[in-house]
Amino acid sequence: QLRLVESGGDLVQPGGSLRLSCAASGFTLDDYVIGWFRQAPGKAREEVSYINTRDRSTFYAASVKGRFTISRDNAKNTVYLQMNSLKPEDTAVYYCAAGPIRAAMDYWGEGTLVTVSS
């Protein structure tokens, strides 16, 4: 069974940090583009970051660039999203997804909630 499972979401104060994990089972992330997305209440889903595990290229949305870092651990078949200097506007459910190309995310996790609030 092909699955992506996110973890690491939590309540954190503004300025704090969290690391989200996206663990894959049933397939190898090496052959896929992995993306992190988020959806805040009442808002459309937006892309946050991508990593192409073939050439290791990365992409960050302007709103998170310089604060978030995407990385992977091949041995654990896991992709991470390190989030620093968190802001209240980062509050959302964060999803990871995998696909052969950025425009075709075939597999999605169920999401993990990040709340940034004092």
N, C-alpha and C. Protein backbone atom coordinates (compact mmCIF):
# COMPACT_ATOMS: atom_id res chain seq x y z
N GLN A 1 0.84 -1.18 0.00
CA GLN A 1 0.00 0.00 0.00
C GLN A 1 0.88 1.24 0.00
N LEU A 2 0.59 2.16 -0.92
CA LEU A 2 1.38 3.39 -1.04
C LEU A 2 0.83 4.44 -0.10
N ARG A 3 1.68 4.95 0.79
CA ARG A 3 1.22 5.92 1.76
C ARG A 3 2.25 6.99 2.01
N LEU A 4 1.75 8.18 2.34
CA LEU A 4 2.56 9.27 2.87
C LEU A 4 1.96 9.66 4.20
N VAL A 5 2.78 9.78 5.22
CA VAL A 5 2.29 10.13 6.55
C VAL A 5 3.08 11.32 7.06
N GLU A 6 2.37 12.42 7.33
CA GLU A 6 3.00 13.61 7.89
C GLU A 6 2.95 13.55 9.42
N SER A 7 3.93 14.19 10.03
CA SER A 7 3.94 14.32 11.49
C SER A 7 4.74 15.56 11.85
N GLY A 8 4.62 15.96 13.10
CA GLY A 8 5.42 17.08 13.59
C GLY A 8 4.63 18.36 13.81
N GLY A 9 3.38 18.39 13.40
CA GLY A 9 2.58 19.59 13.62
C GLY A 9 2.32 19.80 15.10
N ASP A 10 2.19 21.07 15.48
CA ASP A 10 2.02 21.39 16.91
C ASP A 10 1.60 22.84 17.05
N LEU A 11 1.35 23.23 18.28
CA LEU A 11 1.11 24.63 18.63
C LEU A 11 2.46 25.24 19.02
N VAL A 12 2.80 26.36 18.39
CA VAL A 12 4.08 27.00 18.67
C VAL A 12 3.88 28.51 18.71
N GLN A 13 4.70 29.19 19.51
CA GLN A 13 4.60 30.64 19.60
C GLN A 13 5.24 31.31 18.39
N PRO A 14 4.81 32.51 18.06
CA PRO A 14 5.47 33.24 16.97
C PRO A 14 6.97 33.34 17.22
N GLY A 15 7.73 33.14 16.15
CA GLY A 15 9.18 33.14 16.26
C GLY A 15 9.76 31.78 16.53
N GLY A 16 8.92 30.82 16.83
CA GLY A 16 9.39 29.47 17.13
C GLY A 16 9.68 28.64 15.90
N SER A 17 10.04 27.38 16.14
CA SER A 17 10.42 26.47 15.06
C SER A 17 9.70 25.14 15.21
N LEU A 18 9.51 24.48 14.07
CA LEU A 18 8.98 23.13 14.03
C LEU A 18 9.65 22.40 12.87
N ARG A 19 9.74 21.09 12.97
CA ARG A 19 10.18 20.28 11.84
C ARG A 19 9.09 19.27 11.52
N LEU A 20 8.58 19.36 10.32
CA LEU A 20 7.59 18.41 9.84
C LEU A 20 8.29 17.26 9.12
N SER A 21 7.72 16.08 9.25
CA SER A 21 8.24 14.89 8.57
C SER A 21 7.19 14.33 7.63
N CYS A 22 7.64 13.77 6.53
CA CYS A 22 6.77 13.11 5.56
C CYS A 22 7.41 11.75 5.26
N ALA A 23 6.85 10.71 5.83
CA ALA A 23 7.40 9.37 5.68
C ALA A 23 6.61 8.60 4.62
N ALA A 24 7.34 8.00 3.70
CA ALA A 24 6.71 7.23 2.63
C ALA A 24 6.81 5.74 2.92
N SER A 25 5.77 5.02 2.54
CA SER A 25 5.81 3.56 2.62
C SER A 25 5.17 3.01 1.35
N GLY A 26 5.70 1.88 0.91
CA GLY A 26 5.16 1.26 -0.29
C GLY A 26 5.80 1.73 -1.58
N PHE A 27 6.62 2.77 -1.49
CA PHE A 27 7.35 3.23 -2.67
C PHE A 27 8.57 4.02 -2.19
N THR A 28 9.48 4.27 -3.12
CA THR A 28 10.73 4.96 -2.78
C THR A 28 10.66 6.40 -3.25
N LEU A 29 10.92 7.30 -2.33
CA LEU A 29 10.84 8.73 -2.65
C LEU A 29 11.90 9.17 -3.65
N ASP A 30 12.95 8.38 -3.82
CA ASP A 30 14.05 8.75 -4.71
C ASP A 30 13.59 9.09 -6.12
N ASP A 31 12.52 8.49 -6.55
CA ASP A 31 12.09 8.65 -7.94
C ASP A 31 11.04 9.72 -8.12
N TYR A 32 10.77 10.49 -7.09
CA TYR A 32 9.66 11.43 -7.12
C TYR A 32 10.06 12.85 -6.78
N VAL A 33 9.22 13.78 -7.23
CA VAL A 33 9.25 15.15 -6.73
C VAL A 33 8.35 15.17 -5.50
N ILE A 34 8.86 15.71 -4.40
CA ILE A 34 8.09 15.77 -3.15
C ILE A 34 7.75 17.23 -2.86
N GLY A 35 6.51 17.46 -2.56
CA GLY A 35 6.08 18.82 -2.27
C GLY A 35 5.41 18.93 -0.91
N TRP A 36 5.56 20.10 -0.32
CA TRP A 36 4.81 20.46 0.88
C TRP A 36 3.81 21.54 0.48
N PHE A 37 2.58 21.36 0.93
CA PHE A 37 1.51 22.31 0.67
C PHE A 37 0.86 22.66 2.00
N ARG A 38 0.09 23.73 2.01
CA ARG A 38 -0.63 24.06 3.23
C ARG A 38 -1.98 24.68 2.88
N GLN A 39 -2.91 24.51 3.80
CA GLN A 39 -4.23 25.10 3.62
C GLN A 39 -4.70 25.67 4.95
N ALA A 40 -4.88 26.97 4.96
CA ALA A 40 -5.38 27.66 6.14
C ALA A 40 -6.90 27.69 6.10
N PRO A 41 -7.55 27.83 7.24
CA PRO A 41 -9.02 27.87 7.28
C PRO A 41 -9.56 28.95 6.35
N GLY A 42 -10.50 28.54 5.49
CA GLY A 42 -11.14 29.48 4.60
C GLY A 42 -10.31 29.94 3.42
N LYS A 43 -9.14 29.33 3.25
CA LYS A 43 -8.26 29.73 2.15
C LYS A 43 -7.96 28.55 1.24
N ALA A 44 -7.52 28.86 0.03
CA ALA A 44 -7.16 27.81 -0.92
C ALA A 44 -5.83 27.17 -0.53
N ARG A 45 -5.64 25.95 -0.96
CA ARG A 45 -4.37 25.28 -0.71
C ARG A 45 -3.27 25.99 -1.51
N GLU A 46 -2.11 26.11 -0.91
CA GLU A 46 -0.98 26.75 -1.59
C GLU A 46 0.26 25.88 -1.48
N GLU A 47 1.09 25.99 -2.49
CA GLU A 47 2.34 25.25 -2.45
C GLU A 47 3.34 25.99 -1.59
N VAL A 48 4.10 25.24 -0.83
CA VAL A 48 5.06 25.83 0.09
C VAL A 48 6.49 25.56 -0.39
N SER A 49 6.77 24.31 -0.71
CA SER A 49 8.14 23.95 -1.07
C SER A 49 8.13 22.64 -1.84
N TYR A 50 9.16 22.48 -2.69
CA TYR A 50 9.35 21.23 -3.42
C TYR A 50 10.81 20.81 -3.34
N ILE A 51 11.02 19.50 -3.45
CA ILE A 51 12.37 18.99 -3.66
C ILE A 51 12.31 17.91 -4.72
N ASN A 52 13.18 18.06 -5.71
CA ASN A 52 13.30 17.05 -6.74
C ASN A 52 14.39 16.10 -6.27
N THR A 53 13.99 14.90 -5.89
CA THR A 53 14.95 13.99 -5.29
C THR A 53 15.92 13.41 -6.32
N ARG A 54 15.68 13.67 -7.60
CA ARG A 54 16.62 13.19 -8.63
C ARG A 54 17.81 14.15 -8.74
N ASP A 55 17.52 15.46 -8.87
CA ASP A 55 18.64 16.39 -9.03
C ASP A 55 18.82 17.28 -7.81
N ARG A 56 18.02 17.05 -6.77
CA ARG A 56 18.11 17.75 -5.49
C ARG A 56 17.78 19.24 -5.60
N SER A 57 17.17 19.66 -6.69
CA SER A 57 16.75 21.06 -6.80
C SER A 57 15.59 21.31 -5.85
N THR A 58 15.47 22.54 -5.39
CA THR A 58 14.42 22.90 -4.45
C THR A 58 13.71 24.16 -4.89
N PHE A 59 12.51 24.34 -4.37
CA PHE A 59 11.72 25.53 -4.63
C PHE A 59 11.04 25.94 -3.33
N TYR A 60 10.95 27.25 -3.12
CA TYR A 60 10.24 27.77 -1.95
C TYR A 60 9.30 28.89 -2.38
N ALA A 61 8.12 28.90 -1.79
CA ALA A 61 7.22 30.03 -2.01
C ALA A 61 7.86 31.28 -1.40
N ALA A 62 7.55 32.42 -1.96
CA ALA A 62 8.13 33.68 -1.50
C ALA A 62 7.83 33.93 -0.02
N SER A 63 6.66 33.47 0.42
CA SER A 63 6.24 33.72 1.79
C SER A 63 7.05 32.96 2.83
N VAL A 64 7.76 31.90 2.40
CA VAL A 64 8.52 31.09 3.35
C VAL A 64 10.01 31.08 3.07
N LYS A 65 10.42 31.65 1.95
CA LYS A 65 11.82 31.60 1.55
C LYS A 65 12.69 32.27 2.61
N GLY A 66 13.76 31.58 2.99
CA GLY A 66 14.65 32.10 4.03
C GLY A 66 14.27 31.65 5.42
N ARG A 67 13.07 31.12 5.58
CA ARG A 67 12.63 30.64 6.89
C ARG A 67 12.44 29.13 6.93
N PHE A 68 12.03 28.54 5.80
CA PHE A 68 11.75 27.11 5.72
C PHE A 68 12.85 26.43 4.90
N THR A 69 13.16 25.18 5.26
CA THR A 69 14.14 24.39 4.52
C THR A 69 13.60 22.99 4.32
N ILE A 70 13.61 22.55 3.06
CA ILE A 70 13.18 21.19 2.75
C ILE A 70 14.40 20.31 2.59
N SER A 71 14.31 19.08 3.07
CA SER A 71 15.45 18.15 2.96
C SER A 71 14.91 16.73 2.94
N ARG A 72 15.80 15.79 2.67
CA ARG A 72 15.38 14.39 2.62
C ARG A 72 16.41 13.51 3.29
N ASP A 73 15.94 12.36 3.74
CA ASP A 73 16.79 11.32 4.31
C ASP A 73 16.46 10.04 3.54
N ASN A 74 17.33 9.67 2.63
CA ASN A 74 17.05 8.50 1.79
C ASN A 74 16.94 7.23 2.62
N ALA A 75 17.77 7.11 3.61
CA ALA A 75 17.77 5.88 4.42
C ALA A 75 16.44 5.69 5.14
N LYS A 76 15.81 6.80 5.49
CA LYS A 76 14.52 6.72 6.19
C LYS A 76 13.34 6.91 5.25
N ASN A 77 13.63 7.14 3.96
CA ASN A 77 12.56 7.36 2.99
C ASN A 77 11.61 8.47 3.47
N THR A 78 12.22 9.53 3.93
CA THR A 78 11.47 10.61 4.58
C THR A 78 11.95 11.96 4.07
N VAL A 79 11.02 12.88 3.92
CA VAL A 79 11.33 14.26 3.57
C VAL A 79 10.91 15.15 4.74
N TYR A 80 11.70 16.17 5.02
CA TYR A 80 11.45 17.05 6.15
C TYR A 80 11.18 18.48 5.68
N LEU A 81 10.47 19.21 6.50
CA LEU A 81 10.32 20.64 6.30
C LEU A 81 10.65 21.33 7.62
N GLN A 82 11.83 21.94 7.68
CA GLN A 82 12.24 22.69 8.86
C GLN A 82 11.67 24.09 8.74
N MET A 83 10.90 24.49 9.73
CA MET A 83 10.23 25.79 9.70
C MET A 83 10.74 26.63 10.87
N ASN A 84 11.38 27.73 10.55
CA ASN A 84 11.91 28.64 11.56
C ASN A 84 11.20 29.99 11.47
N SER A 85 11.36 30.78 12.51
CA SER A 85 10.77 32.13 12.56
C SER A 85 9.29 32.10 12.17
N LEU A 86 8.58 31.19 12.76
CA LEU A 86 7.18 31.00 12.39
C LEU A 86 6.33 32.22 12.73
N LYS A 87 5.35 32.47 11.87
CA LYS A 87 4.45 33.59 12.01
C LYS A 87 3.01 33.09 12.13
N PRO A 88 2.13 33.88 12.72
CA PRO A 88 0.73 33.45 12.80
C PRO A 88 0.14 33.09 11.44
N GLU A 89 0.56 33.76 10.40
CA GLU A 89 0.03 33.45 9.06
C GLU A 89 0.54 32.13 8.50
N ASP A 90 1.46 31.46 9.20
CA ASP A 90 1.88 30.12 8.80
C ASP A 90 0.92 29.05 9.32
N THR A 91 -0.04 29.45 10.15
CA THR A 91 -1.01 28.51 10.68
C THR A 91 -1.81 27.86 9.55
N ALA A 92 -1.80 26.53 9.50
CA ALA A 92 -2.48 25.80 8.43
C ALA A 92 -2.33 24.30 8.68
N VAL A 93 -3.07 23.53 7.91
CA VAL A 93 -2.80 22.11 7.82
C VAL A 93 -1.77 21.94 6.71
N TYR A 94 -0.70 21.25 7.02
CA TYR A 94 0.39 21.04 6.07
C TYR A 94 0.31 19.61 5.53
N TYR A 95 0.39 19.51 4.21
CA TYR A 95 0.32 18.24 3.52
C TYR A 95 1.61 18.00 2.74
N CYS A 96 2.02 16.76 2.66
CA CYS A 96 3.08 16.42 1.71
C CYS A 96 2.47 15.60 0.58
N ALA A 97 3.11 15.67 -0.56
CA ALA A 97 2.63 14.97 -1.75
C ALA A 97 3.83 14.53 -2.58
N ALA A 98 3.62 13.51 -3.38
CA ALA A 98 4.69 12.97 -4.23
C ALA A 98 4.15 12.73 -5.62
N GLY A 99 4.99 12.99 -6.61
CA GLY A 99 4.60 12.75 -7.99
C GLY A 99 5.80 12.70 -8.89
N PRO A 100 5.62 12.23 -10.12
CA PRO A 100 6.74 12.14 -11.06
C PRO A 100 7.27 13.50 -11.49
N ILE A 101 6.37 14.50 -11.52
CA ILE A 101 6.76 15.87 -11.81
C ILE A 101 5.98 16.80 -10.90
N ARG A 102 6.41 18.04 -10.82
CA ARG A 102 5.80 19.00 -9.91
C ARG A 102 4.32 19.20 -10.21
N ALA A 103 3.95 19.13 -11.48
CA ALA A 103 2.56 19.40 -11.86
C ALA A 103 1.64 18.20 -11.69
N ALA A 104 2.19 17.08 -11.25
CA ALA A 104 1.38 15.87 -11.13
C ALA A 104 1.68 15.16 -9.82
N MET A 105 1.05 15.62 -8.75
CA MET A 105 1.23 15.00 -7.45
C MET A 105 0.23 13.85 -7.31
N ASP A 106 0.74 12.63 -7.36
CA ASP A 106 -0.12 11.45 -7.38
C ASP A 106 -0.52 10.98 -5.99
N TYR A 107 0.35 11.20 -5.01
CA TYR A 107 0.11 10.66 -3.68
C TYR A 107 0.10 11.79 -2.67
N TRP A 108 -0.87 11.73 -1.74
CA TRP A 108 -1.03 12.78 -0.75
C TRP A 108 -1.16 12.17 0.64
N GLY A 109 -0.60 12.85 1.62
CA GLY A 109 -0.82 12.48 3.00
C GLY A 109 -2.10 13.11 3.52
N GLU A 110 -2.40 12.84 4.78
CA GLU A 110 -3.64 13.36 5.37
C GLU A 110 -3.45 14.68 6.09
N GLY A 111 -2.23 15.11 6.23
CA GLY A 111 -1.97 16.43 6.78
C GLY A 111 -1.62 16.43 8.26
N THR A 112 -0.94 17.50 8.67
CA THR A 112 -0.60 17.71 10.08
C THR A 112 -0.82 19.20 10.37
N LEU A 113 -1.42 19.49 11.51
CA LEU A 113 -1.83 20.85 11.84
C LEU A 113 -0.70 21.62 12.52
N VAL A 114 -0.41 22.78 11.97
CA VAL A 114 0.54 23.72 12.58
C VAL A 114 -0.23 24.96 13.00
N THR A 115 -0.12 25.29 14.28
CA THR A 115 -0.78 26.49 14.80
C THR A 115 0.28 27.39 15.41
N VAL A 116 0.35 28.62 14.92
CA VAL A 116 1.31 29.59 15.44
C VAL A 116 0.52 30.67 16.16
N SER A 117 0.65 30.68 17.47
CA SER A 117 -0.15 31.61 18.26
C SER A 117 0.49 31.81 19.63
N SER A 118 0.32 33.00 20.16
CA SER A 118 0.82 33.27 21.50
C SER A 118 -0.29 33.04 22.54
